[in-house]
Amino acid sequence: MYDDVELYDKFRFRRHDILTIVDELRDDLEYPDTRQGPLPATLQVVLICDADMRIMNCTAICQVVGFSARFQNPEGIAAVCSIRVATKIIDCVNTRASETLSVTPRNARTSCTTRVIVMCRPPNSCFGTFLDDVSTVLLIAGTHPTETVVCGDFNTKYGEPTCTDAVNLADLLDTAGFTQHVTGATHERGSKLDLVITAKTSHPIATAVKPISQITDRYAVECELLQSKPSRLKRHITYRRQSAINKNIFAADLRLFNLNADEADPVVLLAAYDTCLRTIIDAHAPLMSRTITVRPTTLWHTKDLTEVKQALRRAERLWRNSSLSVHRHIFKDRRNIFRKLLKTARSDYYRSEISKAGGNMRFIYGITDSLLSRKVNMTLPEVADESPSAFATRFQRYFKDKTEVLCQNRSPLPADDTPTVVGAHFDVFEHAGICHKIV
């Protein structure tokens, strides 16, 4: 069934491993048209994973995230991503003579992304129409805000001056400002059929792109991209281990605490009190320091989620140790339960928060920013020729002058038109007179 399988990856997979990825993870295909028939005979597999990953079981760490087989020919593209790639955004590019799939791996902790557009040209397609498809893809790659890598099976002998199609493709890439990175033949007959294309000015290619292990009549192509994981924010904190304090001994030391009662200055008494109390606390719980990693707070995380996740990890360890299919199915069932529970917990949390907001749009906008992971940074005006302190002084003087001008220009208060009561006075009562009036 599978006559040709191509893999873009830095690891040396066996052909059986590649077929296992596609066959056993067929349920994870996100496009509905992939479930309507068998997979094509010729399949191009693109694997996106971390560079430091060590793969023991392919199906354990990968999932099929995209599939394209629209034409009536035995050609197709499958995109396989590591589960350590946090987020995948899959979209298709409309082409007429080639299979095209666009995959954008995204790390949840950073906004850095690299778009990967995979193309596969069937051998019987018109090369002129295929050049139009390549031109469309290059236009999308040039206008996309993130760095884009175009790769795939172009089915043309690139680099050979006697091949007219290859010369036309090279001229198109040079005119559009793109370059090709694969060095060496990707076919057993010495032809370069598989290409990796990026912009000339800036590209995320880290090392030389070269063929590695041979699979049937093709070679797998290794392409390493510059998309390192961002380091988490570190914070230096100081703390005391208050739980280690012996309450009885601490109370006894407090009783021995004595201040100089003859001191009349309250500032001196307060400083002496603070010094003595700090000495006692340092003796029982000395000040310690450490560097911690700041992680985001998940307010919707509940105790039920923790218990389900612990059961999921136990099932995963059991499956990895035994490698049995029954344990794998148990792990997948518990994984699906955890995903559904996590989605429900998040939905319930944000639903309750929005209901609490009522008509407070400012609070709702804050919830929206947290959902979209947008950080609102305070933007101050640029200060070119003065120091921050001078700018702050000028800022304060501006509002002070404004206030003084408003006070000077204010209209005078109207005169008091209340008539004065003539002959009004308070009576002065004697002590006896007050008692008489009360009686």
Protein backbone atom coordinates (compact mmCIF):
# COMPACT_ATOMS: atom_id res chain seq x y z
CA MET A 1 0.00 0.00 0.00
CA TYR A 2 2.78 2.44 0.88
CA ASP A 3 5.21 2.71 -2.01
CA ASP A 4 6.95 5.88 -0.89
CA VAL A 5 7.13 7.63 2.46
CA GLU A 6 9.13 10.82 3.00
CA LEU A 7 10.06 12.16 6.41
CA TYR A 8 11.48 15.55 7.44
CA ASP A 9 13.09 14.96 10.78
CA LYS A 10 16.51 14.84 12.43
CA PHE A 11 15.97 11.29 13.72
CA ARG A 12 16.53 8.07 11.81
CA PHE A 13 13.15 6.35 11.78
CA ARG A 14 12.56 2.98 10.25
CA ARG A 15 9.87 2.68 7.61
CA HIS A 16 7.78 0.56 9.98
CA ASP A 17 7.90 3.33 12.60
CA ILE A 18 6.55 5.91 10.13
CA LEU A 19 3.68 3.67 9.09
CA THR A 20 2.91 2.98 12.75
CA ILE A 21 2.56 6.72 13.40
CA VAL A 22 0.01 7.15 10.64
CA ASP A 23 -1.91 3.89 11.18
CA GLU A 24 -2.26 3.89 14.96
CA LEU A 25 -3.02 7.61 15.24
CA ARG A 26 -5.64 7.73 12.53
CA ASP A 27 -8.30 8.62 15.13
CA ASP A 28 -6.50 11.89 15.88
CA LEU A 29 -6.80 13.24 12.31
CA GLU A 30 -8.54 16.60 12.49
CA TYR A 31 -9.84 16.78 8.91
CA PRO A 32 -13.11 14.88 8.35
CA ASP A 33 -12.31 13.96 4.73
CA THR A 34 -9.44 11.75 5.93
CA ARG A 35 -11.88 9.22 7.38
CA GLN A 36 -13.71 8.63 4.10
CA GLY A 37 -11.27 6.17 2.56
CA PRO A 38 -7.88 4.49 2.77
CA LEU A 39 -4.68 6.48 2.93
CA PRO A 40 -2.93 7.14 -0.39
CA ALA A 41 -0.24 4.81 -1.67
CA THR A 42 2.40 7.56 -1.68
CA LEU A 43 2.44 9.51 1.55
CA GLN A 44 4.68 12.41 2.52
CA VAL A 45 5.08 12.58 6.30
CA VAL A 46 6.34 15.74 7.99
CA LEU A 47 7.34 15.28 11.62
CA ILE A 48 7.73 18.37 13.85
CA CYS A 49 9.27 17.77 17.27
CA ASP A 50 11.76 19.08 19.81
CA ALA A 51 15.44 18.81 18.96
CA ASP A 52 16.37 17.38 22.37
CA MET A 53 13.67 14.69 22.31
CA ARG A 54 14.67 11.04 22.53
CA ILE A 55 12.04 8.88 20.90
CA MET A 56 11.45 5.41 22.33
CA ASN A 57 7.92 4.81 21.09
CA CYS A 58 6.78 6.91 18.12
CA THR A 59 3.06 6.57 18.78
CA ALA A 60 3.53 7.55 22.41
CA ILE A 61 4.78 11.05 21.72
CA CYS A 62 3.27 12.00 18.37
CA GLN A 63 -0.15 12.81 17.02
CA VAL A 64 -1.40 13.41 13.49
CA VAL A 65 -2.52 17.04 13.28
CA GLY A 66 -3.14 17.50 9.56
CA PHE A 67 -3.81 15.49 6.44
CA SER A 68 -4.29 16.48 2.79
CA ALA A 69 -5.35 14.17 -0.05
CA ARG A 70 -7.73 16.12 -2.29
CA PHE A 71 -6.79 14.96 -5.77
CA GLN A 72 -7.58 11.73 -7.59
CA ASN A 73 -4.01 10.47 -7.44
CA PRO A 74 -1.93 8.34 -5.08
CA GLU A 75 -0.31 11.35 -3.39
CA GLY A 76 -0.87 12.75 0.09
CA ILE A 77 0.61 14.77 2.96
CA ALA A 78 0.44 13.96 6.66
CA ALA A 79 1.69 16.37 9.35
CA VAL A 80 2.74 14.72 12.61
CA CYS A 81 3.58 16.87 15.65
CA SER A 82 5.13 15.94 18.94
CA ILE A 83 2.83 16.27 21.92
CA ARG A 84 5.51 18.51 23.44
CA VAL A 85 4.63 21.13 20.80
CA ALA A 86 2.03 22.93 22.87
CA THR A 87 -0.34 24.36 20.27
CA LYS A 88 -0.93 23.62 16.61
CA ILE A 89 -2.72 25.90 14.16
CA ILE A 90 -3.61 24.02 11.00
CA ASP A 91 -4.85 25.63 7.80
CA CYS A 92 -4.82 24.75 4.11
CA VAL A 93 -3.63 26.71 1.07
CA ASN A 94 -5.81 26.61 -2.04
CA THR A 95 -3.75 25.14 -4.89
CA ARG A 96 -4.69 23.56 -8.21
CA ALA A 97 -1.89 21.14 -9.11
CA SER A 98 -0.38 20.14 -5.77
CA GLU A 99 -1.22 18.98 -2.28
CA THR A 100 -0.48 21.80 0.18
CA LEU A 101 -0.73 21.86 3.94
CA SER A 102 0.21 24.70 6.32
CA VAL A 103 1.24 23.87 9.88
CA THR A 104 2.14 26.48 12.50
CA PRO A 105 3.59 25.00 15.71
CA ARG A 106 3.17 27.39 18.62
CA ASN A 107 4.59 27.25 22.10
CA ALA A 108 2.01 28.30 24.69
CA ARG A 109 4.59 30.20 26.72
CA THR A 110 5.82 32.41 23.91
CA SER A 111 4.54 34.26 20.88
CA CYS A 112 7.41 32.97 18.71
CA THR A 113 6.09 30.81 15.85
CA THR A 114 7.47 29.39 12.62
CA ARG A 115 5.05 28.57 9.83
CA VAL A 116 5.75 25.39 7.85
CA ILE A 117 4.03 25.05 4.45
CA VAL A 118 4.34 21.56 2.96
CA MET A 119 3.86 21.00 -0.78
CA CYS A 120 3.63 17.76 -2.75
CA ARG A 121 3.51 17.83 -6.56
CA PRO A 122 2.07 14.70 -8.22
CA PRO A 123 4.26 13.47 -11.10
CA ASN A 124 1.42 13.71 -13.65
CA SER A 125 0.46 17.33 -12.86
CA CYS A 126 1.09 20.26 -15.18
CA PHE A 127 4.32 22.01 -14.18
CA GLY A 128 3.08 25.42 -15.35
CA THR A 129 0.08 25.19 -13.05
CA PHE A 130 2.38 23.97 -10.29
CA LEU A 131 4.54 27.08 -10.74
CA ASP A 132 1.43 29.18 -10.20
CA ASP A 133 0.82 27.25 -6.97
CA VAL A 134 4.41 27.88 -5.87
CA SER A 135 4.02 31.58 -6.67
CA THR A 136 0.85 31.71 -4.52
CA VAL A 137 2.58 29.95 -1.64
CA LEU A 138 5.61 32.27 -1.85
CA LEU A 139 3.30 35.30 -1.80
CA ILE A 140 1.65 33.96 1.36
CA ALA A 141 5.06 33.23 2.90
CA GLY A 142 6.36 36.70 2.07
CA THR A 143 3.37 38.51 3.56
CA HIS A 144 2.98 36.34 6.66
CA PRO A 145 4.11 38.12 9.86
CA THR A 146 6.08 35.09 11.08
CA GLU A 147 9.02 33.34 9.49
CA THR A 148 7.89 30.71 6.99
CA VAL A 149 9.53 27.52 5.71
CA VAL A 150 8.26 25.97 2.46
CA CYS A 151 9.25 22.33 2.06
CA GLY A 152 8.10 19.22 0.24
CA ASP A 153 8.37 17.04 -2.82
CA PHE A 154 8.59 19.27 -5.91
CA ASN A 155 9.26 16.34 -8.29
CA THR A 156 11.71 18.28 -10.41
CA LYS A 157 15.47 17.82 -10.81
CA TYR A 158 16.43 21.04 -9.05
CA GLY A 159 19.91 22.31 -9.80
CA GLU A 160 20.33 20.56 -13.17
CA PRO A 161 20.81 23.10 -15.99
CA THR A 162 19.41 20.67 -18.60
CA CYS A 163 16.02 20.48 -16.85
CA THR A 164 13.83 23.36 -18.05
CA ASP A 165 11.32 22.98 -15.21
CA ALA A 166 14.09 23.15 -12.61
CA VAL A 167 15.54 26.30 -14.22
CA ASN A 168 12.12 27.98 -14.25
CA LEU A 169 11.59 27.09 -10.59
CA ALA A 170 15.01 28.49 -9.64
CA ASP A 171 14.27 31.73 -11.53
CA LEU A 172 10.92 32.05 -9.72
CA LEU A 173 12.57 31.60 -6.31
CA ASP A 174 15.29 34.14 -7.12
CA THR A 175 12.77 36.70 -8.40
CA ALA A 176 10.57 36.32 -5.29
CA GLY A 177 13.56 36.68 -2.95
CA PHE A 178 13.67 33.09 -1.71
CA THR A 179 16.45 30.53 -1.54
CA GLN A 180 16.71 26.74 -1.38
CA HIS A 181 18.69 25.04 1.42
CA VAL A 182 18.88 21.30 0.67
CA THR A 183 22.43 20.17 -0.16
CA GLY A 184 22.80 16.80 -1.82
CA ALA A 185 20.56 14.40 -3.68
CA THR A 186 17.29 13.26 -2.14
CA HIS A 187 16.66 10.44 -4.65
CA GLU A 188 18.69 7.29 -5.10
CA ARG A 189 19.37 8.22 -8.76
CA GLY A 190 21.13 11.44 -7.71
CA SER A 191 18.32 13.95 -8.26
CA LYS A 192 17.29 16.68 -5.84
CA LEU A 193 13.50 16.36 -5.72
CA ASP A 194 12.78 17.49 -2.14
CA LEU A 195 13.42 21.14 -1.28
CA VAL A 196 13.40 23.39 1.78
CA ILE A 197 12.77 27.03 0.83
CA THR A 198 12.95 30.20 2.95
CA ALA A 199 13.38 33.92 2.42
CA LYS A 200 16.88 35.17 1.60
CA THR A 201 16.92 38.00 4.12
CA SER A 202 15.95 36.17 7.31
CA HIS A 203 15.17 32.51 7.89
CA PRO A 204 14.89 30.19 10.91
CA ILE A 205 17.19 27.47 9.49
CA ALA A 206 19.77 26.61 12.16
CA THR A 207 22.05 24.10 10.43
CA ALA A 208 22.73 22.79 6.95
CA VAL A 209 19.77 20.95 5.42
CA LYS A 210 20.95 17.59 4.14
CA PRO A 211 19.55 14.13 3.43
CA ILE A 212 20.05 11.46 6.08
CA SER A 213 18.70 7.89 6.05
CA GLN A 214 17.21 6.33 2.91
CA ILE A 215 13.57 5.19 2.92
CA THR A 216 12.69 3.17 -0.23
CA ASP A 217 13.99 5.27 -3.17
CA ARG A 218 13.98 8.57 -1.20
CA TYR A 219 16.06 10.04 1.60
CA ALA A 220 14.74 11.64 4.74
CA VAL A 221 15.71 15.30 4.97
CA GLU A 222 16.95 16.82 8.22
CA CYS A 223 15.98 20.44 8.88
CA GLU A 224 16.59 22.07 12.26
CA LEU A 225 14.76 25.34 12.97
CA LEU A 226 15.70 28.11 15.38
CA GLN A 227 12.77 28.09 17.78
CA SER A 228 14.21 27.58 21.21
CA LYS A 229 11.97 27.33 24.23
CA PRO A 230 11.89 30.51 26.30
CA SER A 231 13.26 30.31 29.80
CA ARG A 232 10.77 30.77 32.60
CA LEU A 233 10.90 33.88 34.73
CA LYS A 234 13.09 33.50 37.82
CA ARG A 235 12.60 35.42 41.05
CA HIS A 236 14.83 35.71 44.11
CA ILE A 237 12.86 35.52 47.37
CA THR A 238 13.63 35.53 51.10
CA TYR A 239 11.59 33.58 53.64
CA ARG A 240 11.57 32.12 57.15
CA ARG A 241 10.62 28.59 58.14
CA GLN A 242 8.00 29.54 60.70
CA SER A 243 6.76 25.97 61.00
CA ALA A 244 10.12 25.00 62.53
CA ILE A 245 9.72 27.42 65.48
CA ASN A 246 9.25 25.77 68.88
CA LYS A 247 6.41 27.77 70.38
CA ASN A 248 7.32 27.05 74.03
CA ILE A 249 10.95 28.13 73.66
CA PHE A 250 9.91 31.14 71.59
CA ALA A 251 7.42 32.23 74.30
CA ALA A 252 10.11 31.80 77.00
CA ASP A 253 12.51 34.03 75.07
CA LEU A 254 9.79 36.65 74.69
CA ARG A 255 9.27 36.68 78.47
CA LEU A 256 12.97 37.40 78.95
CA PHE A 257 12.65 40.29 76.55
CA ASN A 258 13.27 43.55 78.49
CA LEU A 259 13.19 47.15 77.36
CA ASN A 260 14.75 50.17 79.03
CA ALA A 261 11.66 51.76 80.57
CA ASP A 262 13.62 54.86 81.58
CA GLU A 263 14.07 55.91 77.97
CA ALA A 264 11.76 58.83 77.20
CA ASP A 265 12.29 59.07 73.44
CA PRO A 266 9.65 56.88 71.67
CA VAL A 267 11.81 56.59 68.53
CA VAL A 268 14.66 55.05 70.53
CA LEU A 269 12.24 52.69 72.31
CA LEU A 270 10.74 51.57 69.00
CA ALA A 271 14.18 50.91 67.48
CA ALA A 272 15.24 48.90 70.56
CA TYR A 273 12.01 46.88 70.45
CA ASP A 274 12.48 46.11 66.75
CA THR A 275 16.13 45.09 67.24
CA CYS A 276 15.44 42.75 70.16
CA LEU A 277 12.43 41.13 68.47
CA ARG A 278 14.37 40.61 65.23
CA THR A 279 17.21 39.00 67.20
CA ILE A 280 14.81 36.50 68.79
CA ILE A 281 13.14 35.66 65.46
CA ASP A 282 16.52 35.23 63.73
CA ALA A 283 17.55 32.77 66.44
CA HIS A 284 14.45 30.60 65.96
CA ALA A 285 13.78 31.07 62.21
CA PRO A 286 16.75 32.60 60.39
CA LEU A 287 16.14 34.46 57.17
CA MET A 288 16.74 32.22 54.13
CA SER A 289 16.85 32.98 50.40
CA ARG A 290 16.27 30.97 47.24
CA THR A 291 15.52 31.39 43.55
CA ILE A 292 12.12 30.16 42.38
CA THR A 293 10.54 29.70 38.96
CA VAL A 294 7.45 31.82 38.40
CA ARG A 295 4.68 29.74 36.82
CA PRO A 296 1.24 30.91 35.73
CA THR A 297 -1.60 30.39 38.18
CA THR A 298 -4.44 28.18 36.97
CA LEU A 299 -7.41 29.43 38.93
CA TRP A 300 -9.74 26.80 37.47
CA HIS A 301 -7.62 23.88 38.68
CA THR A 302 -9.59 21.82 41.17
CA LYS A 303 -8.97 18.83 43.41
CA ASP A 304 -10.86 16.58 41.00
CA LEU A 305 -8.48 17.57 38.20
CA THR A 306 -5.49 16.68 40.36
CA GLU A 307 -6.87 13.23 41.15
CA VAL A 308 -7.74 12.49 37.51
CA LYS A 309 -4.31 13.67 36.37
CA GLN A 310 -2.58 11.43 38.92
CA ALA A 311 -4.58 8.45 37.62
CA LEU A 312 -3.61 9.45 34.07
CA ARG A 313 0.10 9.50 34.93
CA ARG A 314 -0.16 6.10 36.63
CA ALA A 315 -1.78 4.65 33.51
CA GLU A 316 0.92 6.23 31.33
CA ARG A 317 3.75 4.75 33.40
CA LEU A 318 2.08 1.33 33.31
CA TRP A 319 1.71 1.49 29.54
CA ARG A 320 5.31 2.62 28.95
CA ASN A 321 6.65 -0.19 31.14
CA SER A 322 4.50 -2.95 29.61
CA SER A 323 4.00 -1.67 26.00
CA LEU A 324 0.70 -3.59 25.90
CA SER A 325 -2.20 -2.47 23.73
CA VAL A 326 -4.71 -2.85 26.56
CA HIS A 327 -2.70 -0.49 28.77
CA ARG A 328 -2.43 1.94 25.85
CA HIS A 329 -6.23 1.99 25.47
CA ILE A 330 -6.63 2.57 29.22
CA PHE A 331 -4.20 5.48 29.00
CA LYS A 332 -6.09 7.02 26.04
CA ASP A 333 -9.44 6.67 27.84
CA ARG A 334 -8.13 8.43 30.95
CA ARG A 335 -6.48 11.07 28.81
CA ASN A 336 -9.80 11.84 27.12
CA ILE A 337 -11.53 12.00 30.52
CA PHE A 338 -8.92 14.46 31.78
CA ARG A 339 -9.24 16.66 28.68
CA LYS A 340 -13.02 16.83 28.99
CA LEU A 341 -12.84 17.59 32.72
CA LEU A 342 -10.22 20.30 32.15
CA LYS A 343 -12.33 21.92 29.44
CA THR A 344 -15.41 21.83 31.67
CA ALA A 345 -13.52 23.32 34.63
CA ARG A 346 -12.16 26.19 32.54
CA SER A 347 -15.56 26.91 30.99
CA ASP A 348 -17.31 26.91 34.37
CA TYR A 349 -14.68 29.21 35.89
CA TYR A 350 -14.85 31.84 33.15
CA ARG A 351 -18.64 31.58 32.99
CA SER A 352 -18.86 32.35 36.71
CA GLU A 353 -16.36 35.20 36.41
CA ILE A 354 -18.29 36.81 33.56
CA SER A 355 -21.57 36.47 35.48
CA LYS A 356 -19.95 38.17 38.49
CA ALA A 357 -18.85 41.08 36.31
CA GLY A 358 -22.41 42.03 35.42
CA GLY A 359 -22.21 45.24 33.40
CA ASN A 360 -18.62 46.07 34.41
CA MET A 361 -17.00 46.16 30.97
CA ARG A 362 -13.57 46.92 32.39
CA PHE A 363 -13.62 43.63 34.31
CA ILE A 364 -14.85 41.76 31.21
CA TYR A 365 -12.03 43.26 29.12
CA GLY A 366 -9.57 42.02 31.75
CA ILE A 367 -10.99 38.50 31.47
CA THR A 368 -10.68 38.70 27.67
CA ASP A 369 -7.03 39.75 27.94
CA SER A 370 -6.30 36.81 30.24
CA LEU A 371 -8.01 34.41 27.82
CA LEU A 372 -5.95 35.73 24.90
CA SER A 373 -2.73 35.84 27.01
CA ARG A 374 -2.36 39.55 26.37
CA LYS A 375 -0.31 41.57 28.82
CA VAL A 376 -1.22 45.22 29.26
CA ASN A 377 2.03 47.14 29.61
CA MET A 378 2.17 50.73 30.79
CA THR A 379 3.49 52.93 27.99
CA LEU A 380 5.20 56.14 29.07
CA PRO A 381 6.08 58.97 26.69
CA GLU A 382 9.57 58.88 25.24
CA VAL A 383 12.10 61.15 26.95
CA ALA A 384 14.94 62.01 24.60
CA ASP A 385 16.89 64.93 26.07
CA GLU A 386 16.17 64.79 29.80
CA SER A 387 16.51 62.40 32.69
CA PRO A 388 13.53 60.54 34.15
CA SER A 389 13.65 62.72 37.29
CA ALA A 390 13.57 65.92 35.23
CA PHE A 391 10.69 64.54 33.18
CA ALA A 392 8.76 63.70 36.38
CA THR A 393 9.38 67.23 37.71
CA ARG A 394 8.14 68.77 34.47
CA PHE A 395 5.10 66.49 34.52
CA GLN A 396 4.27 67.60 38.08
CA ARG A 397 4.83 71.27 37.29
CA TYR A 398 2.46 71.06 34.31
CA PHE A 399 -0.49 69.95 36.45
CA LYS A 400 0.46 72.36 39.23
CA ASP A 401 0.44 75.30 36.81
CA LYS A 402 -2.87 74.10 35.40
CA THR A 403 -4.40 74.06 38.88
CA GLU A 404 -3.11 77.56 39.67
CA VAL A 405 -4.52 78.95 36.42
CA LEU A 406 -7.91 77.42 37.16
CA CYS A 407 -7.92 78.92 40.64
CA GLN A 408 -7.01 82.37 39.33
CA ASN A 409 -9.64 82.32 36.60
CA ARG A 410 -12.49 81.05 38.74
CA SER A 411 -15.45 83.40 39.21
CA PRO A 412 -15.88 84.99 42.68
CA LEU A 413 -18.52 83.62 45.00
CA PRO A 414 -21.82 85.56 45.05
CA ALA A 415 -22.54 87.82 48.06
CA ASP A 416 -24.53 86.37 50.93
CA ASP A 417 -28.09 87.68 50.55
CA THR A 418 -29.35 86.17 53.83
CA PRO A 419 -31.00 88.97 55.88
CA THR A 420 -29.54 89.66 59.31
CA VAL A 421 -31.95 89.25 62.22
CA VAL A 422 -31.86 92.36 64.38
CA GLY A 423 -31.89 91.96 68.15
CA ALA A 424 -31.21 88.22 68.12
CA HIS A 425 -29.33 86.92 71.17
CA PHE A 426 -28.93 83.82 73.37
CA ASP A 427 -30.44 83.74 76.85
CA VAL A 428 -28.15 83.01 79.80
CA PHE A 429 -29.82 80.89 82.45
CA GLU A 430 -28.95 80.58 86.07
CA HIS A 431 -28.56 77.14 87.71
CA ALA A 432 -31.75 77.53 89.69
CA GLY A 433 -33.60 78.76 86.64
CA ILE A 434 -32.61 75.64 84.67
CA CYS A 435 -33.87 73.38 87.45
CA HIS A 436 -37.10 75.33 87.62
CA LYS A 437 -37.70 74.99 83.91
CA ILE A 438 -37.02 71.24 84.02
CA VAL A 439 -39.47 70.76 86.90
